[in-house]
């Protein structure tokens, strides 16, 4: 059996820092800070609840990040 891979560490970064920023600026900043995946979602978008290390989610309303969370 193959060994289970060790996930990479998440950036030492607070998701709250992105709330209120324009979505494109927030995405660029998140990638610069080391987030492997950045996902922008419209309010009410149906998503699965699996947790992914290194992923940052944005709920974007009218082009601005209204909410941000890890996973």
PDB file of N, CA and C in Angstrom:
ATOM      1  N   UNK A   1       0.824  -1.175   0.000  1.00  0.00           N
ATOM      2  CA  UNK A   1       0.000   0.000   0.000  1.00  0.00           C
ATOM      3  C   UNK A   1       0.877   1.250   0.000  1.00  0.00           C
ATOM      4  N   UNK A   2       0.471   2.235  -0.763  1.00  0.00           N
ATOM      5  CA  UNK A   2       1.233   3.480  -0.841  1.00  0.00           C
ATOM      6  C   UNK A   2       1.044   4.294   0.438  1.00  0.00           C
ATOM      7  N   UNK A   3       2.064   5.036   0.844  1.00  0.00           N
ATOM      8  CA  UNK A   3       1.922   5.875   2.039  1.00  0.00           C
ATOM      9  C   UNK A   3       0.927   7.007   1.796  1.00  0.00           C
ATOM     10  N   UNK A   4       0.283   7.446   2.847  1.00  0.00           N
ATOM     11  CA  UNK A   4      -0.647   8.569   2.762  1.00  0.00           C
ATOM     12  C   UNK A   4       0.181   9.847   2.697  1.00  0.00           C
ATOM     13  N   UNK A   5      -0.046  10.678   1.674  1.00  0.00           N
ATOM     14  CA  UNK A   5       0.760  11.904   1.557  1.00  0.00           C
ATOM     15  C   UNK A   5       0.464  12.882   2.690  1.00  0.00           C
ATOM     16  N   UNK A   6       1.485  13.603   3.079  1.00  0.00           N
ATOM     17  CA  UNK A   6       1.336  14.633   4.110  1.00  0.00           C
ATOM     18  C   UNK A   6       0.907  15.928   3.431  1.00  0.00           C
ATOM     19  N   UNK A   7      -0.254  16.494   3.837  1.00  0.00           N
ATOM     20  CA  UNK A   7      -0.683  17.748   3.205  1.00  0.00           C
ATOM     21  C   UNK A   7       0.265  18.894   3.552  1.00  0.00           C
ATOM     22  N   UNK A   8       0.397  19.816   2.613  1.00  0.00           N
ATOM     23  CA  UNK A   8       1.245  20.975   2.879  1.00  0.00           C
ATOM     24  C   UNK A   8       0.569  21.878   3.907  1.00  0.00           C
ATOM     25  N   UNK A   9       1.362  22.659   4.574  1.00  0.00           N
ATOM     26  CA  UNK A   9       0.837  23.554   5.606  1.00  0.00           C
ATOM     27  C   UNK A   9       0.069  24.712   4.968  1.00  0.00           C
ATOM     28  N   UNK A  10      -0.934  25.181   5.679  1.00  0.00           N
ATOM     29  CA  UNK A  10      -1.678  26.352   5.214  1.00  0.00           C
ATOM     30  C   UNK A  10      -0.896  27.608   5.569  1.00  0.00           C
ATOM     31  N   UNK A  11      -1.077  28.664   4.787  1.00  0.00           N
ATOM     32  CA  UNK A  11      -0.431  29.935   5.129  1.00  0.00           C
ATOM     33  C   UNK A  11      -0.912  30.436   6.491  1.00  0.00           C
ATOM     34  N   UNK A  12      -0.043  31.119   7.196  1.00  0.00           N
ATOM     35  CA  UNK A  12      -0.410  31.736   8.471  1.00  0.00           C
ATOM     36  C   UNK A  12      -1.096  33.057   8.126  1.00  0.00           C
ATOM     37  N   UNK A  13      -2.394  32.959   7.841  1.00  0.00           N
ATOM     38  CA  UNK A  13      -3.134  34.080   7.276  1.00  0.00           C
ATOM     39  C   UNK A  13      -4.571  33.995   7.769  1.00  0.00           C
ATOM     40  N   UNK A  14      -5.174  35.116   8.068  1.00  0.00           N
ATOM     41  CA  UNK A  14      -6.556  35.142   8.544  1.00  0.00           C
ATOM     42  C   UNK A  14      -7.522  35.378   7.386  1.00  0.00           C
ATOM     43  N   UNK A  15      -8.505  34.512   7.202  1.00  0.00           N
ATOM     44  CA  UNK A  15      -9.510  34.739   6.158  1.00  0.00           C
ATOM     45  C   UNK A  15     -10.240  36.072   6.321  1.00  0.00           C
ATOM     46  N   UNK A  16     -10.359  36.557   7.533  1.00  0.00           N
ATOM     47  CA  UNK A  16     -11.056  37.826   7.781  1.00  0.00           C
ATOM     48  C   UNK A  16     -10.370  39.011   7.104  1.00  0.00           C
ATOM     49  N   UNK A  17      -9.087  38.882   6.804  1.00  0.00           N
ATOM     50  CA  UNK A  17      -8.337  39.977   6.195  1.00  0.00           C
ATOM     51  C   UNK A  17      -8.817  40.300   4.775  1.00  0.00           C
ATOM     52  N   UNK A  18      -9.573  39.397   4.154  1.00  0.00           N
ATOM     53  CA  UNK A  18      -9.998  39.578   2.769  1.00  0.00           C
ATOM     54  C   UNK A  18     -11.395  40.184   2.646  1.00  0.00           C
ATOM     55  N   UNK A  19     -12.157  40.163   3.722  1.00  0.00           N
ATOM     56  CA  UNK A  19     -13.528  40.686   3.691  1.00  0.00           C
ATOM     57  C   UNK A  19     -13.492  42.188   3.418  1.00  0.00           C
ATOM     58  N   UNK A  20     -14.284  42.608   2.447  1.00  0.00           N
ATOM     59  CA  UNK A  20     -14.354  44.011   2.073  1.00  0.00           C
ATOM     60  C   UNK A  20     -13.470  44.392   0.901  1.00  0.00           C
ATOM     61  N   UNK A  21     -12.571  43.496   0.494  1.00  0.00           N
ATOM     62  CA  UNK A  21     -11.689  43.778  -0.645  1.00  0.00           C
ATOM     63  C   UNK A  21     -12.392  43.453  -1.959  1.00  0.00           C
ATOM     64  N   UNK A  22     -12.009  44.121  -3.041  1.00  0.00           N
ATOM     65  CA  UNK A  22     -12.505  43.702  -4.354  1.00  0.00           C
ATOM     66  C   UNK A  22     -12.055  42.259  -4.619  1.00  0.00           C
ATOM     67  N   UNK A  23     -12.902  41.457  -5.223  1.00  0.00           N
ATOM     68  CA  UNK A  23     -12.633  40.031  -5.395  1.00  0.00           C
ATOM     69  C   UNK A  23     -11.328  39.752  -6.138  1.00  0.00           C
ATOM     70  N   UNK A  24     -11.046  40.480  -7.215  1.00  0.00           N
ATOM     71  CA  UNK A  24      -9.819  40.218  -7.971  1.00  0.00           C
ATOM     72  C   UNK A  24      -8.572  40.542  -7.152  1.00  0.00           C
ATOM     73  N   UNK A  25      -8.628  41.625  -6.395  1.00  0.00           N
ATOM     74  CA  UNK A  25      -7.486  41.981  -5.529  1.00  0.00           C
ATOM     75  C   UNK A  25      -7.300  40.943  -4.421  1.00  0.00           C
ATOM     76  N   UNK A  26      -8.396  40.486  -3.822  1.00  0.00           N
ATOM     77  CA  UNK A  26      -8.326  39.489  -2.750  1.00  0.00           C
ATOM     78  C   UNK A  26      -7.729  38.182  -3.267  1.00  0.00           C
ATOM     79  N   UNK A  27      -8.122  37.776  -4.469  1.00  0.00           N
ATOM     80  CA  UNK A  27      -7.586  36.535  -5.033  1.00  0.00           C
ATOM     81  C   UNK A  27      -6.090  36.643  -5.286  1.00  0.00           C
ATOM     82  N   UNK A  28      -5.644  37.747  -5.864  1.00  0.00           N
ATOM     83  CA  UNK A  28      -4.203  37.946  -6.087  1.00  0.00           C
ATOM     84  C   UNK A  28      -3.429  37.915  -4.780  1.00  0.00           C
ATOM     85  N   UNK A  29      -3.946  38.619  -3.775  1.00  0.00           N
ATOM     86  CA  UNK A  29      -3.287  38.689  -2.473  1.00  0.00           C
ATOM     87  C   UNK A  29      -3.220  37.304  -1.819  1.00  0.00           C
ATOM     88  N   UNK A  30      -4.296  36.552  -1.905  1.00  0.00           N
ATOM     89  CA  UNK A  30      -4.316  35.209  -1.312  1.00  0.00           C
ATOM     90  C   UNK A  30      -3.272  34.303  -1.964  1.00  0.00           C
ATOM     91  N   UNK A  31      -3.158  34.368  -3.270  1.00  0.00           N
ATOM     92  CA  UNK A  31      -2.155  33.540  -3.967  1.00  0.00           C
ATOM     93  C   UNK A  31      -0.734  33.985  -3.593  1.00  0.00           C
ATOM     94  N   UNK A  32      -0.521  35.289  -3.472  1.00  0.00           N
ATOM     95  CA  UNK A  32       0.793  35.794  -3.056  1.00  0.00           C
ATOM     96  C   UNK A  32       1.144  35.313  -1.655  1.00  0.00           C
ATOM     97  N   UNK A  33       0.149  35.173  -0.799  1.00  0.00           N
ATOM     98  CA  UNK A  33       0.377  34.740   0.585  1.00  0.00           C
ATOM     99  C   UNK A  33       0.486  33.222   0.716  1.00  0.00           C
ATOM    100  N   UNK A  34       0.343  32.494  -0.392  1.00  0.00           N
ATOM    101  CA  UNK A  34       0.606  31.064  -0.368  1.00  0.00           C
ATOM    102  C   UNK A  34      -0.578  30.127  -0.415  1.00  0.00           C
ATOM    103  N   UNK A  35      -1.789  30.631  -0.621  1.00  0.00           N
ATOM    104  CA  UNK A  35      -2.941  29.734  -0.736  1.00  0.00           C
ATOM    105  C   UNK A  35      -2.859  28.990  -2.062  1.00  0.00           C
ATOM    106  N   UNK A  36      -2.941  27.663  -2.007  1.00  0.00           N
ATOM    107  CA  UNK A  36      -2.826  26.838  -3.213  1.00  0.00           C
ATOM    108  C   UNK A  36      -4.051  26.977  -4.102  1.00  0.00           C
ATOM    109  N   UNK A  37      -5.222  27.087  -3.501  1.00  0.00           N
ATOM    110  CA  UNK A  37      -6.474  27.196  -4.243  1.00  0.00           C
ATOM    111  C   UNK A  37      -7.291  28.334  -3.663  1.00  0.00           C
ATOM    112  N   UNK A  38      -7.806  29.172  -4.530  1.00  0.00           N
ATOM    113  CA  UNK A  38      -8.689  30.264  -4.116  1.00  0.00           C
ATOM    114  C   UNK A  38      -9.975  30.099  -4.917  1.00  0.00           C
ATOM    115  N   UNK A  39     -11.097  30.043  -4.192  1.00  0.00           N
ATOM    116  CA  UNK A  39     -12.380  29.786  -4.849  1.00  0.00           C
ATOM    117  C   UNK A  39     -13.344  30.923  -4.540  1.00  0.00           C
ATOM    118  N   UNK A  40     -13.851  31.569  -5.602  1.00  0.00           N
ATOM    119  CA  UNK A  40     -14.820  32.657  -5.458  1.00  0.00           C
ATOM    120  C   UNK A  40     -16.211  32.102  -5.749  1.00  0.00           C
ATOM    121  N   UNK A  41     -17.147  32.335  -4.836  1.00  0.00           N
ATOM    122  CA  UNK A  41     -18.500  31.804  -4.951  1.00  0.00           C
ATOM    123  C   UNK A  41     -19.517  32.926  -4.829  1.00  0.00           C
ATOM    124  N   UNK A  42     -20.598  32.809  -5.550  1.00  0.00           N
ATOM    125  CA  UNK A  42     -21.704  33.746  -5.418  1.00  0.00           C
ATOM    126  C   UNK A  42     -22.506  33.380  -4.167  1.00  0.00           C
ATOM    127  N   UNK A  43     -23.187  34.324  -3.538  1.00  0.00           N
ATOM    128  CA  UNK A  43     -24.019  34.005  -2.372  1.00  0.00           C
ATOM    129  C   UNK A  43     -25.050  32.932  -2.732  1.00  0.00           C
ATOM    130  N   UNK A  44     -25.193  31.953  -1.864  1.00  0.00           N
ATOM    131  CA  UNK A  44     -26.167  30.893  -2.067  1.00  0.00           C
ATOM    132  C   UNK A  44     -25.706  29.747  -2.944  1.00  0.00           C
ATOM    133  N   UNK A  45     -24.459  29.795  -3.426  1.00  0.00           N
ATOM    134  CA  UNK A  45     -23.941  28.708  -4.253  1.00  0.00           C
ATOM    135  C   UNK A  45     -23.905  27.423  -3.439  1.00  0.00           C
ATOM    136  N   UNK A  46     -24.370  26.341  -4.032  1.00  0.00           N
ATOM    137  CA  UNK A  46     -24.341  25.045  -3.360  1.00  0.00           C
ATOM    138  C   UNK A  46     -22.958  24.442  -3.558  1.00  0.00           C
ATOM    139  N   UNK A  47     -22.316  24.081  -2.436  1.00  0.00           N
ATOM    140  CA  UNK A  47     -20.978  23.490  -2.479  1.00  0.00           C
ATOM    141  C   UNK A  47     -20.939  22.265  -1.581  1.00  0.00           C
ATOM    142  N   UNK A  48     -19.973  21.395  -1.836  1.00  0.00           N
ATOM    143  CA  UNK A  48     -19.750  20.263  -0.952  1.00  0.00           C
ATOM    144  C   UNK A  48     -19.020  20.757   0.291  1.00  0.00           C
ATOM    145  N   UNK A  49     -19.084  19.992   1.353  1.00  0.00           N
ATOM    146  CA  UNK A  49     -18.521  20.440   2.622  1.00  0.00           C
ATOM    147  C   UNK A  49     -17.165  19.803   2.951  1.00  0.00           C
ATOM    148  N   UNK A  50     -16.508  19.177   1.959  1.00  0.00           N
ATOM    149  CA  UNK A  50     -15.210  18.581   2.263  1.00  0.00           C
ATOM    150  C   UNK A  50     -14.194  19.678   2.550  1.00  0.00           C
ATOM    151  N   UNK A  51     -13.292  19.396   3.463  1.00  0.00           N
ATOM    152  CA  UNK A  51     -12.266  20.364   3.846  1.00  0.00           C
ATOM    153  C   UNK A  51     -11.020  20.091   3.025  1.00  0.00           C
ATOM    154  N   UNK A  52     -10.513  21.086   2.367  1.00  0.00           N
ATOM    155  CA  UNK A  52      -9.282  20.972   1.597  1.00  0.00           C
ATOM    156  C   UNK A  52      -8.221  21.876   2.202  1.00  0.00           C
ATOM    157  N   UNK A  53      -7.133  21.284   2.636  1.00  0.00           N
ATOM    158  CA  UNK A  53      -6.011  22.061   3.176  1.00  0.00           C
ATOM    159  C   UNK A  53      -5.462  22.943   2.061  1.00  0.00           C
ATOM    160  N   UNK A  54      -5.217  24.199   2.365  1.00  0.00           N
ATOM    161  CA  UNK A  54      -4.626  25.109   1.395  1.00  0.00           C
ATOM    162  C   UNK A  54      -5.633  25.805   0.497  1.00  0.00           C
ATOM    163  N   UNK A  55      -6.942  25.606   0.760  1.00  0.00           N
ATOM    164  CA  UNK A  55      -7.959  26.280  -0.057  1.00  0.00           C
ATOM    165  C   UNK A  55      -8.600  27.403   0.745  1.00  0.00           C
ATOM    166  N   UNK A  56      -8.780  28.543   0.086  1.00  0.00           N
ATOM    167  CA  UNK A  56      -9.450  29.689   0.675  1.00  0.00           C
ATOM    168  C   UNK A  56     -10.687  29.982  -0.166  1.00  0.00           C
ATOM    169  N   UNK A  57     -11.826  30.099   0.488  1.00  0.00           N
ATOM    170  CA  UNK A  57     -13.094  30.362  -0.179  1.00  0.00           C
ATOM    171  C   UNK A  57     -13.525  31.795   0.057  1.00  0.00           C
ATOM    172  N   UNK A  58     -14.048  32.412  -0.996  1.00  0.00           N
ATOM    173  CA  UNK A  58     -14.610  33.751  -0.908  1.00  0.00           C
ATOM    174  C   UNK A  58     -16.066  33.697  -1.336  1.00  0.00           C
ATOM    175  N   UNK A  59     -16.934  34.319  -0.555  1.00  0.00           N
ATOM    176  CA  UNK A  59     -18.290  34.575  -1.032  1.00  0.00           C
ATOM    177  C   UNK A  59     -18.265  36.002  -1.561  1.00  0.00           C
ATOM    178  N   UNK A  60     -18.548  36.149  -2.849  1.00  0.00           N
ATOM    179  CA  UNK A  60     -18.421  37.439  -3.523  1.00  0.00           C
ATOM    180  C   UNK A  60     -19.803  37.991  -3.856  1.00  0.00           C
ATOM    181  N   UNK A  61     -20.048  39.199  -3.382  1.00  0.00           N
ATOM    182  CA  UNK A  61     -21.315  39.883  -3.653  1.00  0.00           C
ATOM    183  C   UNK A  61     -20.993  41.243  -4.260  1.00  0.00           C
ATOM    184  N   UNK A  62     -21.529  41.498  -5.437  1.00  0.00           N
ATOM    185  CA  UNK A  62     -21.303  42.761  -6.145  1.00  0.00           C
ATOM    186  C   UNK A  62     -19.817  43.074  -6.308  1.00  0.00           C
ATOM    187  N   UNK A  63     -19.010  42.032  -6.585  1.00  0.00           N
ATOM    188  CA  UNK A  63     -17.592  42.220  -6.837  1.00  0.00           C
ATOM    189  C   UNK A  63     -16.720  42.385  -5.612  1.00  0.00           C
ATOM    190  N   UNK A  64     -17.314  42.266  -4.416  1.00  0.00           N
ATOM    191  CA  UNK A  64     -16.569  42.448  -3.171  1.00  0.00           C
ATOM    192  C   UNK A  64     -16.682  41.187  -2.316  1.00  0.00           C
ATOM    193  N   UNK A  65     -15.598  40.843  -1.629  1.00  0.00           N
ATOM    194  CA  UNK A  65     -15.618  39.677  -0.739  1.00  0.00           C
ATOM    195  C   UNK A  65     -16.474  40.002   0.473  1.00  0.00           C
ATOM    196  N   UNK A  66     -17.565  39.248   0.633  1.00  0.00           N
ATOM    197  CA  UNK A  66     -18.482  39.453   1.757  1.00  0.00           C
ATOM    198  C   UNK A  66     -18.178  38.502   2.902  1.00  0.00           C
ATOM    199  N   UNK A  67     -17.547  37.365   2.580  1.00  0.00           N
ATOM    200  CA  UNK A  67     -17.245  36.341   3.587  1.00  0.00           C
ATOM    201  C   UNK A  67     -16.055  35.546   3.068  1.00  0.00           C
ATOM    202  N   UNK A  68     -15.213  35.054   3.975  1.00  0.00           N
ATOM    203  CA  UNK A  68     -14.065  34.257   3.595  1.00  0.00           C
ATOM    204  C   UNK A  68     -13.829  33.181   4.644  1.00  0.00           C
ATOM    205  N   UNK A  69     -13.485  31.957   4.183  1.00  0.00           N
ATOM    206  CA  UNK A  69     -13.222  30.864   5.116  1.00  0.00           C
ATOM    207  C   UNK A  69     -12.263  29.854   4.487  1.00  0.00           C
ATOM    208  N   UNK A  70     -11.578  29.116   5.360  1.00  0.00           N
ATOM    209  CA  UNK A  70     -10.629  28.084   4.929  1.00  0.00           C
ATOM    210  C   UNK A  70     -11.389  26.820   4.537  1.00  0.00           C
ATOM    211  N   UNK A  71     -10.759  26.056   3.668  1.00  0.00           N
ATOM    212  CA  UNK A  71     -11.258  24.723   3.367  1.00  0.00           C
ATOM    213  C   UNK A  71     -11.829  24.567   2.024  1.00  0.00           C
TER     214      UNK A  71
END
